[in-house]
């Protein structure tokens, strides 16, 4: 990703989060449109791996 565009992406994401707080229904619709299946699977795998890592650290 181009570094000049990274700032625009961050500001846009922050605006979307703020808009979601004001209007949750529209925010969820925007989120569904932006998230692809590959992104969803990657995020889900990250959450599962994070959970398993935290669980194993807690048992130690």
PDB file of N, CA and C in Angstrom:
ATOM      1  N   UNK A   1       0.840  -1.175   0.000  1.00  0.00           N
ATOM      2  CA  UNK A   1       0.000   0.000   0.000  1.00  0.00           C
ATOM      3  C   UNK A   1       0.885   1.238   0.000  1.00  0.00           C
ATOM      4  N   UNK A   2       0.508   2.208  -0.765  1.00  0.00           N
ATOM      5  CA  UNK A   2       1.239   3.460  -0.852  1.00  0.00           C
ATOM      6  C   UNK A   2       1.133   4.216   0.473  1.00  0.00           C
ATOM      7  N   UNK A   3       2.244   4.736   0.977  1.00  0.00           N
ATOM      8  CA  UNK A   3       2.236   5.428   2.266  1.00  0.00           C
ATOM      9  C   UNK A   3       1.358   6.675   2.254  1.00  0.00           C
ATOM     10  N   UNK A   4       1.283   7.377   1.147  1.00  0.00           N
ATOM     11  CA  UNK A   4       0.444   8.558   1.054  1.00  0.00           C
ATOM     12  C   UNK A   4      -1.034   8.215   1.181  1.00  0.00           C
ATOM     13  N   UNK A   5      -1.410   7.073   0.704  1.00  0.00           N
ATOM     14  CA  UNK A   5      -2.807   6.624   0.761  1.00  0.00           C
ATOM     15  C   UNK A   5      -3.156   6.049   2.124  1.00  0.00           C
ATOM     16  N   UNK A   6      -2.181   5.616   2.892  1.00  0.00           N
ATOM     17  CA  UNK A   6      -2.429   4.992   4.188  1.00  0.00           C
ATOM     18  C   UNK A   6      -3.144   5.953   5.137  1.00  0.00           C
ATOM     19  N   UNK A   7      -2.732   7.214   5.152  1.00  0.00           N
ATOM     20  CA  UNK A   7      -3.386   8.207   6.002  1.00  0.00           C
ATOM     21  C   UNK A   7      -4.843   8.397   5.631  1.00  0.00           C
ATOM     22  N   UNK A   8      -5.131   8.392   4.330  1.00  0.00           N
ATOM     23  CA  UNK A   8      -6.516   8.517   3.877  1.00  0.00           C
ATOM     24  C   UNK A   8      -7.361   7.330   4.329  1.00  0.00           C
ATOM     25  N   UNK A   9      -6.778   6.146   4.285  1.00  0.00           N
ATOM     26  CA  UNK A   9      -7.500   4.943   4.701  1.00  0.00           C
ATOM     27  C   UNK A   9      -7.797   4.999   6.198  1.00  0.00           C
ATOM     28  N   UNK A  10      -6.816   5.422   6.993  1.00  0.00           N
ATOM     29  CA  UNK A  10      -7.008   5.500   8.445  1.00  0.00           C
ATOM     30  C   UNK A  10      -8.084   6.523   8.790  1.00  0.00           C
ATOM     31  N   UNK A  11      -8.035   7.682   8.163  1.00  0.00           N
ATOM     32  CA  UNK A  11      -9.036   8.718   8.429  1.00  0.00           C
ATOM     33  C   UNK A  11     -10.421   8.244   7.987  1.00  0.00           C
ATOM     34  N   UNK A  12     -10.500   7.579   6.866  1.00  0.00           N
ATOM     35  CA  UNK A  12     -11.783   7.049   6.404  1.00  0.00           C
ATOM     36  C   UNK A  12     -12.340   5.999   7.349  1.00  0.00           C
ATOM     37  N   UNK A  13     -11.474   5.131   7.853  1.00  0.00           N
ATOM     38  CA  UNK A  13     -11.922   4.107   8.801  1.00  0.00           C
ATOM     39  C   UNK A  13     -12.404   4.746  10.101  1.00  0.00           C
ATOM     40  N   UNK A  14     -11.695   5.766  10.583  1.00  0.00           N
ATOM     41  CA  UNK A  14     -12.120   6.463  11.799  1.00  0.00           C
ATOM     42  C   UNK A  14     -13.470   7.140  11.591  1.00  0.00           C
ATOM     43  N   UNK A  15     -13.688   7.703  10.432  1.00  0.00           N
ATOM     44  CA  UNK A  15     -14.981   8.307  10.118  1.00  0.00           C
ATOM     45  C   UNK A  15     -16.095   7.283  10.063  1.00  0.00           C
ATOM     46  N   UNK A  16     -15.808   6.114   9.508  1.00  0.00           N
ATOM     47  CA  UNK A  16     -16.804   5.051   9.462  1.00  0.00           C
ATOM     48  C   UNK A  16     -17.165   4.557  10.862  1.00  0.00           C
ATOM     49  N   UNK A  17     -16.167   4.458  11.732  1.00  0.00           N
ATOM     50  CA  UNK A  17     -16.428   4.035  13.111  1.00  0.00           C
ATOM     51  C   UNK A  17     -17.289   5.076  13.820  1.00  0.00           C
ATOM     52  N   UNK A  18     -16.960   6.342  13.662  1.00  0.00           N
ATOM     53  CA  UNK A  18     -17.754   7.405  14.283  1.00  0.00           C
ATOM     54  C   UNK A  18     -19.175   7.410  13.732  1.00  0.00           C
ATOM     55  N   UNK A  19     -19.330   7.198  12.449  1.00  0.00           N
ATOM     56  CA  UNK A  19     -20.656   7.130  11.851  1.00  0.00           C
ATOM     57  C   UNK A  19     -21.444   5.930  12.338  1.00  0.00           C
ATOM     58  N   UNK A  20     -20.765   4.834  12.616  1.00  0.00           N
ATOM     59  CA  UNK A  20     -21.422   3.632  13.122  1.00  0.00           C
ATOM     60  C   UNK A  20     -21.965   3.848  14.528  1.00  0.00           C
ATOM     61  N   UNK A  21     -21.292   4.678  15.304  1.00  0.00           N
ATOM     62  CA  UNK A  21     -21.774   4.979  16.648  1.00  0.00           C
ATOM     63  C   UNK A  21     -23.076   5.776  16.557  1.00  0.00           C
ATOM     64  N   UNK A  22     -23.128   6.695  15.619  1.00  0.00           N
ATOM     65  CA  UNK A  22     -24.315   7.539  15.458  1.00  0.00           C
ATOM     66  C   UNK A  22     -25.469   6.747  14.839  1.00  0.00           C
ATOM     67  N   UNK A  23     -25.201   5.966  13.806  1.00  0.00           N
ATOM     68  CA  UNK A  23     -26.232   5.195  13.111  1.00  0.00           C
ATOM     69  C   UNK A  23     -25.753   3.761  12.925  1.00  0.00           C
ATOM     70  N   UNK A  24     -25.987   2.896  13.924  1.00  0.00           N
ATOM     71  CA  UNK A  24     -25.455   1.520  13.864  1.00  0.00           C
ATOM     72  C   UNK A  24     -25.957   0.712  12.667  1.00  0.00           C
ATOM     73  N   UNK A  25     -27.191   0.897  12.259  1.00  0.00           N
ATOM     74  CA  UNK A  25     -27.728   0.113  11.144  1.00  0.00           C
ATOM     75  C   UNK A  25     -26.974   0.420   9.842  1.00  0.00           C
ATOM     76  N   UNK A  26     -26.743   1.690   9.576  1.00  0.00           N
ATOM     77  CA  UNK A  26     -25.995   2.071   8.373  1.00  0.00           C
ATOM     78  C   UNK A  26     -24.535   1.633   8.476  1.00  0.00           C
ATOM     79  N   UNK A  27     -23.981   1.696   9.680  1.00  0.00           N
ATOM     80  CA  UNK A  27     -22.600   1.271   9.880  1.00  0.00           C
ATOM     81  C   UNK A  27     -22.406  -0.204   9.605  1.00  0.00           C
ATOM     82  N   UNK A  28     -23.358  -1.032  10.050  1.00  0.00           N
ATOM     83  CA  UNK A  28     -23.264  -2.463   9.783  1.00  0.00           C
ATOM     84  C   UNK A  28     -23.408  -2.761   8.296  1.00  0.00           C
ATOM     85  N   UNK A  29     -24.253  -2.026   7.633  1.00  0.00           N
ATOM     86  CA  UNK A  29     -24.393  -2.201   6.182  1.00  0.00           C
ATOM     87  C   UNK A  29     -23.117  -1.856   5.451  1.00  0.00           C
ATOM     88  N   UNK A  30     -22.462  -0.775   5.874  1.00  0.00           N
ATOM     89  CA  UNK A  30     -21.193  -0.378   5.269  1.00  0.00           C
ATOM     90  C   UNK A  30     -20.111  -1.413   5.558  1.00  0.00           C
ATOM     91  N   UNK A  31     -20.128  -1.963   6.774  1.00  0.00           N
ATOM     92  CA  UNK A  31     -19.142  -2.978   7.138  1.00  0.00           C
ATOM     93  C   UNK A  31     -19.322  -4.236   6.297  1.00  0.00           C
ATOM     94  N   UNK A  32     -20.558  -4.676   6.118  1.00  0.00           N
ATOM     95  CA  UNK A  32     -20.819  -5.865   5.294  1.00  0.00           C
ATOM     96  C   UNK A  32     -20.372  -5.668   3.852  1.00  0.00           C
ATOM     97  N   UNK A  33     -20.546  -4.456   3.352  1.00  0.00           N
ATOM     98  CA  UNK A  33     -20.145  -4.172   1.971  1.00  0.00           C
ATOM     99  C   UNK A  33     -18.632  -4.145   1.831  1.00  0.00           C
ATOM    100  N   UNK A  34     -17.923  -3.737   2.878  1.00  0.00           N
ATOM    101  CA  UNK A  34     -16.471  -3.581   2.798  1.00  0.00           C
ATOM    102  C   UNK A  34     -15.719  -4.881   3.055  1.00  0.00           C
ATOM    103  N   UNK A  35     -16.283  -5.773   3.839  1.00  0.00           N
ATOM    104  CA  UNK A  35     -15.569  -6.982   4.247  1.00  0.00           C
ATOM    105  C   UNK A  35     -15.833  -8.096   3.240  1.00  0.00           C
ATOM    106  N   UNK A  36     -14.768  -8.615   2.682  1.00  0.00           N
ATOM    107  CA  UNK A  36     -14.891  -9.742   1.759  1.00  0.00           C
ATOM    108  C   UNK A  36     -14.817 -11.048   2.549  1.00  0.00           C
ATOM    109  N   UNK A  37     -15.106 -12.140   1.897  1.00  0.00           N
ATOM    110  CA  UNK A  37     -15.062 -13.448   2.557  1.00  0.00           C
ATOM    111  C   UNK A  37     -13.643 -13.764   3.030  1.00  0.00           C
ATOM    112  N   UNK A  38     -12.656 -13.406   2.236  1.00  0.00           N
ATOM    113  CA  UNK A  38     -11.267 -13.684   2.602  1.00  0.00           C
ATOM    114  C   UNK A  38     -10.871 -12.890   3.850  1.00  0.00           C
ATOM    115  N   UNK A  39     -11.289 -11.636   3.920  1.00  0.00           N
ATOM    116  CA  UNK A  39     -10.993 -10.818   5.087  1.00  0.00           C
ATOM    117  C   UNK A  39     -11.676 -11.387   6.320  1.00  0.00           C
ATOM    118  N   UNK A  40     -12.920 -11.810   6.174  1.00  0.00           N
ATOM    119  CA  UNK A  40     -13.653 -12.377   7.299  1.00  0.00           C
ATOM    120  C   UNK A  40     -12.975 -13.636   7.823  1.00  0.00           C
ATOM    121  N   UNK A  41     -12.567 -14.514   6.928  1.00  0.00           N
ATOM    122  CA  UNK A  41     -11.900 -15.758   7.338  1.00  0.00           C
ATOM    123  C   UNK A  41     -10.576 -15.446   8.029  1.00  0.00           C
ATOM    124  N   UNK A  42      -9.833 -14.475   7.524  1.00  0.00           N
ATOM    125  CA  UNK A  42      -8.562 -14.089   8.134  1.00  0.00           C
ATOM    126  C   UNK A  42      -8.783 -13.539   9.540  1.00  0.00           C
ATOM    127  N   UNK A  43      -9.766 -12.675   9.697  1.00  0.00           N
ATOM    128  CA  UNK A  43     -10.064 -12.120  11.020  1.00  0.00           C
ATOM    129  C   UNK A  43     -10.546 -13.197  11.989  1.00  0.00           C
ATOM    130  N   UNK A  44     -11.393 -14.092  11.519  1.00  0.00           N
ATOM    131  CA  UNK A  44     -11.892 -15.171  12.367  1.00  0.00           C
ATOM    132  C   UNK A  44     -10.753 -16.082  12.811  1.00  0.00           C
ATOM    133  N   UNK A  45      -9.849 -16.405  11.903  1.00  0.00           N
ATOM    134  CA  UNK A  45      -8.702 -17.243  12.258  1.00  0.00           C
ATOM    135  C   UNK A  45      -7.812 -16.531  13.276  1.00  0.00           C
ATOM    136  N   UNK A  46      -7.631 -15.227  13.123  1.00  0.00           N
ATOM    137  CA  UNK A  46      -6.841 -14.458  14.083  1.00  0.00           C
ATOM    138  C   UNK A  46      -7.465 -14.451  15.464  1.00  0.00           C
ATOM    139  N   UNK A  47      -8.783 -14.314  15.513  1.00  0.00           N
ATOM    140  CA  UNK A  47      -9.473 -14.329  16.806  1.00  0.00           C
ATOM    141  C   UNK A  47      -9.329 -15.691  17.475  1.00  0.00           C
ATOM    142  N   UNK A  48      -9.496 -16.759  16.703  1.00  0.00           N
ATOM    143  CA  UNK A  48      -9.374 -18.112  17.262  1.00  0.00           C
ATOM    144  C   UNK A  48      -7.949 -18.362  17.746  1.00  0.00           C
ATOM    145  N   UNK A  49      -6.958 -17.998  16.954  1.00  0.00           N
ATOM    146  CA  UNK A  49      -5.567 -18.199  17.369  1.00  0.00           C
ATOM    147  C   UNK A  49      -5.231 -17.356  18.598  1.00  0.00           C
ATOM    148  N   UNK A  50      -5.725 -16.131  18.660  1.00  0.00           N
ATOM    149  CA  UNK A  50      -5.503 -15.293  19.834  1.00  0.00           C
ATOM    150  C   UNK A  50      -6.138 -15.885  21.071  1.00  0.00           C
ATOM    151  N   UNK A  51      -7.334 -16.417  20.928  1.00  0.00           N
ATOM    152  CA  UNK A  51      -8.020 -17.058  22.049  1.00  0.00           C
ATOM    153  C   UNK A  51      -7.238 -18.268  22.547  1.00  0.00           C
ATOM    154  N   UNK A  52      -6.792 -19.102  21.615  1.00  0.00           N
ATOM    155  CA  UNK A  52      -6.036 -20.301  22.011  1.00  0.00           C
ATOM    156  C   UNK A  52      -4.706 -19.922  22.668  1.00  0.00           C
ATOM    157  N   UNK A  53      -4.036 -18.914  22.160  1.00  0.00           N
ATOM    158  CA  UNK A  53      -2.770 -18.487  22.753  1.00  0.00           C
ATOM    159  C   UNK A  53      -2.991 -17.928  24.159  1.00  0.00           C
ATOM    160  N   UNK A  54      -4.022 -17.123  24.338  1.00  0.00           N
ATOM    161  CA  UNK A  54      -4.316 -16.576  25.666  1.00  0.00           C
ATOM    162  C   UNK A  54      -4.713 -17.679  26.636  1.00  0.00           C
ATOM    163  N   UNK A  55      -5.440 -18.650  26.142  1.00  0.00           N
ATOM    164  CA  UNK A  55      -5.877 -19.758  26.998  1.00  0.00           C
ATOM    165  C   UNK A  55      -4.679 -20.595  27.450  1.00  0.00           C
ATOM    166  N   UNK A  56      -3.755 -20.846  26.544  1.00  0.00           N
ATOM    167  CA  UNK A  56      -2.582 -21.648  26.916  1.00  0.00           C
ATOM    168  C   UNK A  56      -1.672 -20.882  27.877  1.00  0.00           C
ATOM    169  N   UNK A  57      -1.586 -19.560  27.736  1.00  0.00           N
ATOM    170  CA  UNK A  57      -0.772 -18.763  28.643  1.00  0.00           C
ATOM    171  C   UNK A  57      -1.402 -18.714  30.034  1.00  0.00           C
ATOM    172  N   UNK A  58      -2.712 -18.731  30.078  1.00  0.00           N
ATOM    173  CA  UNK A  58      -3.409 -18.657  31.358  1.00  0.00           C
ATOM    174  C   UNK A  58      -3.212 -19.933  32.159  1.00  0.00           C
ATOM    175  N   UNK A  59      -3.124 -21.062  31.474  1.00  0.00           N
ATOM    176  CA  UNK A  59      -2.957 -22.354  32.167  1.00  0.00           C
ATOM    177  C   UNK A  59      -1.559 -22.534  32.731  1.00  0.00           C
ATOM    178  N   UNK A  60      -0.595 -21.832  32.193  1.00  0.00           N
ATOM    179  CA  UNK A  60       0.806 -21.998  32.628  1.00  0.00           C
ATOM    180  C   UNK A  60       1.033 -21.445  34.003  1.00  0.00           C
TER     181      UNK A  60
END
